[in-house]
Amino acid sequence: MRAANLRLGAALAEVEGLYSALLTAGGSERRRRLQAELARSAGRLAALAALPPETRSLPVAPRRSRRGRRRAMAERGAAWITAKFGRDVR
């Protein structure tokens, strides 16, 4: 999740920077180049924003006791078996 947020933030910063540069652009050639780059950056931002959020497969709550660690390992194993073989495992 954190990596996705960083990618979105970077894409947004790129769009903001290009927009700021476009506001101060003087020449028509530079202005057209900035507009084209801004359109491409906005498209990348829209594509990143449209991606579904990543889901975590396991809870991240820290378990410090031996019993808690064993329980976490059992949950991880059960989740793996369910993902690999489906729900009808006996």
N, C-alpha and C. Protein backbone atom coordinates (compact mmCIF):
# COMPACT_ATOMS: atom_id res chain seq x y z
N MET A 1 0.82 -1.18 0.00
CA MET A 1 0.00 0.00 0.00
C MET A 1 0.87 1.25 0.00
N ARG A 2 1.95 1.20 0.76
CA ARG A 2 2.82 2.37 0.85
C ARG A 2 3.47 2.68 -0.49
N ALA A 3 3.88 1.66 -1.22
CA ALA A 3 4.51 1.87 -2.53
C ALA A 3 3.52 2.50 -3.50
N ALA A 4 2.27 2.06 -3.46
CA ALA A 4 1.25 2.64 -4.34
C ALA A 4 1.03 4.11 -4.01
N ASN A 5 1.01 4.44 -2.73
CA ASN A 5 0.85 5.84 -2.33
C ASN A 5 2.03 6.69 -2.78
N LEU A 6 3.24 6.12 -2.71
CA LEU A 6 4.42 6.85 -3.17
C LEU A 6 4.37 7.08 -4.67
N ARG A 7 3.93 6.09 -5.42
CA ARG A 7 3.82 6.26 -6.88
C ARG A 7 2.79 7.32 -7.22
N LEU A 8 1.65 7.30 -6.51
CA LEU A 8 0.62 8.32 -6.75
C LEU A 8 1.14 9.72 -6.41
N GLY A 9 1.84 9.82 -5.29
CA GLY A 9 2.39 11.12 -4.89
C GLY A 9 3.41 11.64 -5.89
N ALA A 10 4.25 10.75 -6.42
CA ALA A 10 5.24 11.16 -7.40
C ALA A 10 4.57 11.62 -8.69
N ALA A 11 3.54 10.89 -9.13
CA ALA A 11 2.83 11.27 -10.35
C ALA A 11 2.12 12.61 -10.16
N LEU A 12 1.54 12.82 -9.00
CA LEU A 12 0.86 14.08 -8.71
C LEU A 12 1.86 15.24 -8.67
N ALA A 13 3.01 15.01 -8.06
CA ALA A 13 4.03 16.05 -8.00
C ALA A 13 4.52 16.41 -9.39
N GLU A 14 4.63 15.41 -10.27
CA GLU A 14 5.05 15.68 -11.64
C GLU A 14 4.03 16.56 -12.36
N VAL A 15 2.75 16.25 -12.18
CA VAL A 15 1.69 17.05 -12.81
C VAL A 15 1.72 18.48 -12.27
N GLU A 16 1.86 18.61 -10.96
CA GLU A 16 1.90 19.95 -10.36
C GLU A 16 3.10 20.75 -10.86
N GLY A 17 4.25 20.10 -10.96
CA GLY A 17 5.44 20.79 -11.44
C GLY A 17 5.30 21.24 -12.88
N LEU A 18 4.76 20.37 -13.72
CA LEU A 18 4.56 20.75 -15.12
C LEU A 18 3.53 21.87 -15.26
N TYR A 19 2.49 21.82 -14.44
CA TYR A 19 1.49 22.88 -14.49
C TYR A 19 2.09 24.22 -14.06
N SER A 20 2.90 24.20 -13.03
CA SER A 20 3.56 25.43 -12.59
C SER A 20 4.49 25.97 -13.67
N ALA A 21 5.22 25.07 -14.32
CA ALA A 21 6.09 25.51 -15.41
C ALA A 21 5.28 26.07 -16.57
N LEU A 22 4.13 25.48 -16.83
CA LEU A 22 3.28 25.95 -17.91
C LEU A 22 2.75 27.35 -17.63
N LEU A 23 2.46 27.64 -16.37
CA LEU A 23 1.95 28.97 -16.02
C LEU A 23 2.97 30.07 -16.30
N THR A 24 4.25 29.74 -16.18
CA THR A 24 5.29 30.75 -16.38
C THR A 24 5.97 30.65 -17.74
N ALA A 25 5.50 29.72 -18.58
CA ALA A 25 6.12 29.53 -19.90
C ALA A 25 5.84 30.74 -20.78
N GLY A 26 6.88 31.19 -21.45
CA GLY A 26 6.72 32.36 -22.31
C GLY A 26 6.54 32.01 -23.77
N GLY A 27 7.47 31.25 -24.31
CA GLY A 27 7.44 30.94 -25.74
C GLY A 27 6.37 29.95 -26.11
N SER A 28 5.86 30.08 -27.33
CA SER A 28 4.78 29.20 -27.75
C SER A 28 5.27 27.76 -27.96
N GLU A 29 6.52 27.57 -28.43
CA GLU A 29 7.05 26.22 -28.62
C GLU A 29 7.22 25.52 -27.27
N ARG A 30 7.78 26.21 -26.31
CA ARG A 30 7.96 25.63 -24.97
C ARG A 30 6.60 25.34 -24.34
N ARG A 31 5.66 26.22 -24.57
CA ARG A 31 4.32 26.06 -24.01
C ARG A 31 3.65 24.80 -24.58
N ARG A 32 3.76 24.59 -25.89
CA ARG A 32 3.17 23.40 -26.52
C ARG A 32 3.84 22.12 -26.00
N ARG A 33 5.16 22.16 -25.83
CA ARG A 33 5.89 21.00 -25.32
C ARG A 33 5.45 20.68 -23.89
N LEU A 34 5.30 21.72 -23.06
CA LEU A 34 4.85 21.51 -21.68
C LEU A 34 3.42 20.99 -21.62
N GLN A 35 2.56 21.49 -22.52
CA GLN A 35 1.18 21.01 -22.55
C GLN A 35 1.12 19.53 -22.92
N ALA A 36 1.95 19.13 -23.89
CA ALA A 36 1.96 17.72 -24.28
C ALA A 36 2.47 16.85 -23.15
N GLU A 37 3.54 17.29 -22.48
CA GLU A 37 4.08 16.51 -21.36
C GLU A 37 3.09 16.48 -20.19
N LEU A 38 2.38 17.57 -19.97
CA LEU A 38 1.36 17.61 -18.91
C LEU A 38 0.22 16.65 -19.23
N ALA A 39 -0.17 16.55 -20.47
CA ALA A 39 -1.23 15.62 -20.86
C ALA A 39 -0.78 14.17 -20.62
N ARG A 40 0.47 13.85 -20.98
CA ARG A 40 0.97 12.49 -20.75
C ARG A 40 1.05 12.19 -19.25
N SER A 41 1.53 13.15 -18.48
CA SER A 41 1.64 12.95 -17.03
C SER A 41 0.26 12.79 -16.39
N ALA A 42 -0.70 13.57 -16.85
CA ALA A 42 -2.06 13.45 -16.32
C ALA A 42 -2.65 12.08 -16.65
N GLY A 43 -2.33 11.57 -17.83
CA GLY A 43 -2.79 10.23 -18.20
C GLY A 43 -2.18 9.16 -17.31
N ARG A 44 -0.88 9.30 -17.01
CA ARG A 44 -0.23 8.34 -16.10
C ARG A 44 -0.84 8.41 -14.71
N LEU A 45 -1.11 9.63 -14.25
CA LEU A 45 -1.73 9.80 -12.93
C LEU A 45 -3.12 9.15 -12.90
N ALA A 46 -3.90 9.36 -13.96
CA ALA A 46 -5.23 8.76 -14.01
C ALA A 46 -5.15 7.23 -14.03
N ALA A 47 -4.17 6.70 -14.75
CA ALA A 47 -4.02 5.24 -14.80
C ALA A 47 -3.63 4.68 -13.44
N LEU A 48 -2.74 5.37 -12.74
CA LEU A 48 -2.35 4.93 -11.40
C LEU A 48 -3.51 5.02 -10.42
N ALA A 49 -4.30 6.08 -10.53
CA ALA A 49 -5.42 6.27 -9.62
C ALA A 49 -6.52 5.25 -9.88
N ALA A 50 -6.61 4.73 -11.10
CA ALA A 50 -7.66 3.77 -11.44
C ALA A 50 -7.34 2.35 -10.99
N LEU A 51 -6.08 2.09 -10.63
CA LEU A 51 -5.71 0.75 -10.19
C LEU A 51 -6.41 0.41 -8.88
N PRO A 52 -6.88 -0.83 -8.73
CA PRO A 52 -7.53 -1.20 -7.47
C PRO A 52 -6.50 -1.22 -6.34
N PRO A 53 -6.93 -0.89 -5.14
CA PRO A 53 -5.98 -0.89 -4.01
C PRO A 53 -5.49 -2.29 -3.72
N GLU A 54 -4.24 -2.38 -3.29
CA GLU A 54 -3.66 -3.67 -2.94
C GLU A 54 -4.26 -4.13 -1.62
N THR A 55 -4.53 -5.41 -1.55
CA THR A 55 -5.07 -5.95 -0.30
C THR A 55 -3.99 -6.76 0.40
N ARG A 56 -4.00 -6.70 1.66
CA ARG A 56 -3.04 -7.48 2.45
C ARG A 56 -3.61 -8.87 2.65
N SER A 57 -2.76 -9.86 2.52
CA SER A 57 -3.24 -11.22 2.65
C SER A 57 -3.34 -11.66 4.11
N LEU A 58 -2.52 -11.08 4.95
CA LEU A 58 -2.49 -11.48 6.36
C LEU A 58 -2.53 -10.26 7.27
N PRO A 59 -3.10 -10.41 8.45
CA PRO A 59 -3.05 -9.28 9.38
C PRO A 59 -1.62 -9.02 9.83
N VAL A 60 -1.31 -7.76 10.09
CA VAL A 60 0.05 -7.39 10.41
C VAL A 60 0.23 -7.15 11.90
N ALA A 61 -0.80 -7.39 12.67
CA ALA A 61 -0.72 -7.14 14.11
C ALA A 61 0.42 -7.94 14.73
N PRO A 62 1.30 -7.28 15.46
CA PRO A 62 2.43 -8.00 16.05
C PRO A 62 1.98 -8.91 17.19
N ARG A 63 2.49 -10.11 17.19
CA ARG A 63 2.19 -11.06 18.26
C ARG A 63 3.52 -11.40 18.91
N ARG A 64 3.63 -11.14 20.17
CA ARG A 64 4.92 -11.27 20.84
C ARG A 64 5.07 -12.57 21.63
N SER A 65 3.98 -13.14 22.06
CA SER A 65 4.10 -14.35 22.87
C SER A 65 4.34 -15.57 21.97
N ARG A 66 4.82 -16.63 22.57
CA ARG A 66 5.06 -17.85 21.81
C ARG A 66 3.74 -18.39 21.23
N ARG A 67 2.71 -18.35 22.05
CA ARG A 67 1.40 -18.81 21.59
C ARG A 67 0.91 -17.94 20.42
N GLY A 68 1.12 -16.65 20.52
CA GLY A 68 0.71 -15.75 19.45
C GLY A 68 1.47 -16.00 18.16
N ARG A 69 2.77 -16.25 18.26
CA ARG A 69 3.56 -16.55 17.07
C ARG A 69 3.12 -17.85 16.43
N ARG A 70 2.85 -18.86 17.24
CA ARG A 70 2.38 -20.13 16.71
C ARG A 70 1.01 -19.97 16.04
N ARG A 71 0.16 -19.19 16.66
CA ARG A 71 -1.15 -18.95 16.08
C ARG A 71 -1.03 -18.24 14.74
N ALA A 72 -0.12 -17.26 14.66
CA ALA A 72 0.09 -16.54 13.40
C ALA A 72 0.60 -17.49 12.32
N MET A 73 1.52 -18.39 12.68
CA MET A 73 2.04 -19.36 11.72
C MET A 73 0.92 -20.29 11.24
N ALA A 74 0.05 -20.70 12.15
CA ALA A 74 -1.06 -21.56 11.78
C ALA A 74 -2.03 -20.83 10.84
N GLU A 75 -2.29 -19.55 11.12
CA GLU A 75 -3.17 -18.77 10.26
C GLU A 75 -2.56 -18.61 8.87
N ARG A 76 -1.26 -18.34 8.82
CA ARG A 76 -0.56 -18.22 7.54
C ARG A 76 -0.64 -19.52 6.76
N GLY A 77 -0.41 -20.64 7.43
CA GLY A 77 -0.50 -21.93 6.77
C GLY A 77 -1.89 -22.23 6.27
N ALA A 78 -2.89 -21.92 7.08
CA ALA A 78 -4.27 -22.15 6.66
C ALA A 78 -4.63 -21.27 5.48
N ALA A 79 -4.19 -20.03 5.49
CA ALA A 79 -4.46 -19.13 4.36
C ALA A 79 -3.79 -19.63 3.09
N TRP A 80 -2.57 -20.15 3.22
CA TRP A 80 -1.85 -20.67 2.06
C TRP A 80 -2.57 -21.88 1.48
N ILE A 81 -2.97 -22.81 2.36
CA ILE A 81 -3.67 -24.01 1.91
C ILE A 81 -4.99 -23.65 1.23
N THR A 82 -5.72 -22.70 1.81
CA THR A 82 -6.98 -22.27 1.24
C THR A 82 -6.76 -21.64 -0.12
N ALA A 83 -5.75 -20.80 -0.23
CA ALA A 83 -5.46 -20.16 -1.51
C ALA A 83 -5.01 -21.17 -2.56
N LYS A 84 -4.25 -22.16 -2.14
CA LYS A 84 -3.69 -23.12 -3.09
C LYS A 84 -4.72 -24.16 -3.53
N PHE A 85 -5.50 -24.68 -2.61
CA PHE A 85 -6.37 -25.80 -2.92
C PHE A 85 -7.86 -25.48 -2.85
N GLY A 86 -8.23 -24.31 -2.44
CA GLY A 86 -9.63 -23.94 -2.36
C GLY A 86 -10.20 -24.22 -0.99
N ARG A 87 -11.47 -23.97 -0.84
CA ARG A 87 -12.15 -24.06 0.46
C ARG A 87 -12.48 -25.50 0.87
N ASP A 88 -12.59 -26.42 -0.06
CA ASP A 88 -13.06 -27.78 0.25
C ASP A 88 -11.91 -28.72 0.59
N VAL A 89 -11.02 -28.29 1.45
CA VAL A 89 -9.91 -29.15 1.89
C VAL A 89 -10.32 -29.84 3.18
N ARG A 90 -10.14 -31.17 3.23
CA ARG A 90 -10.52 -31.92 4.44
C ARG A 90 -9.41 -32.77 4.90
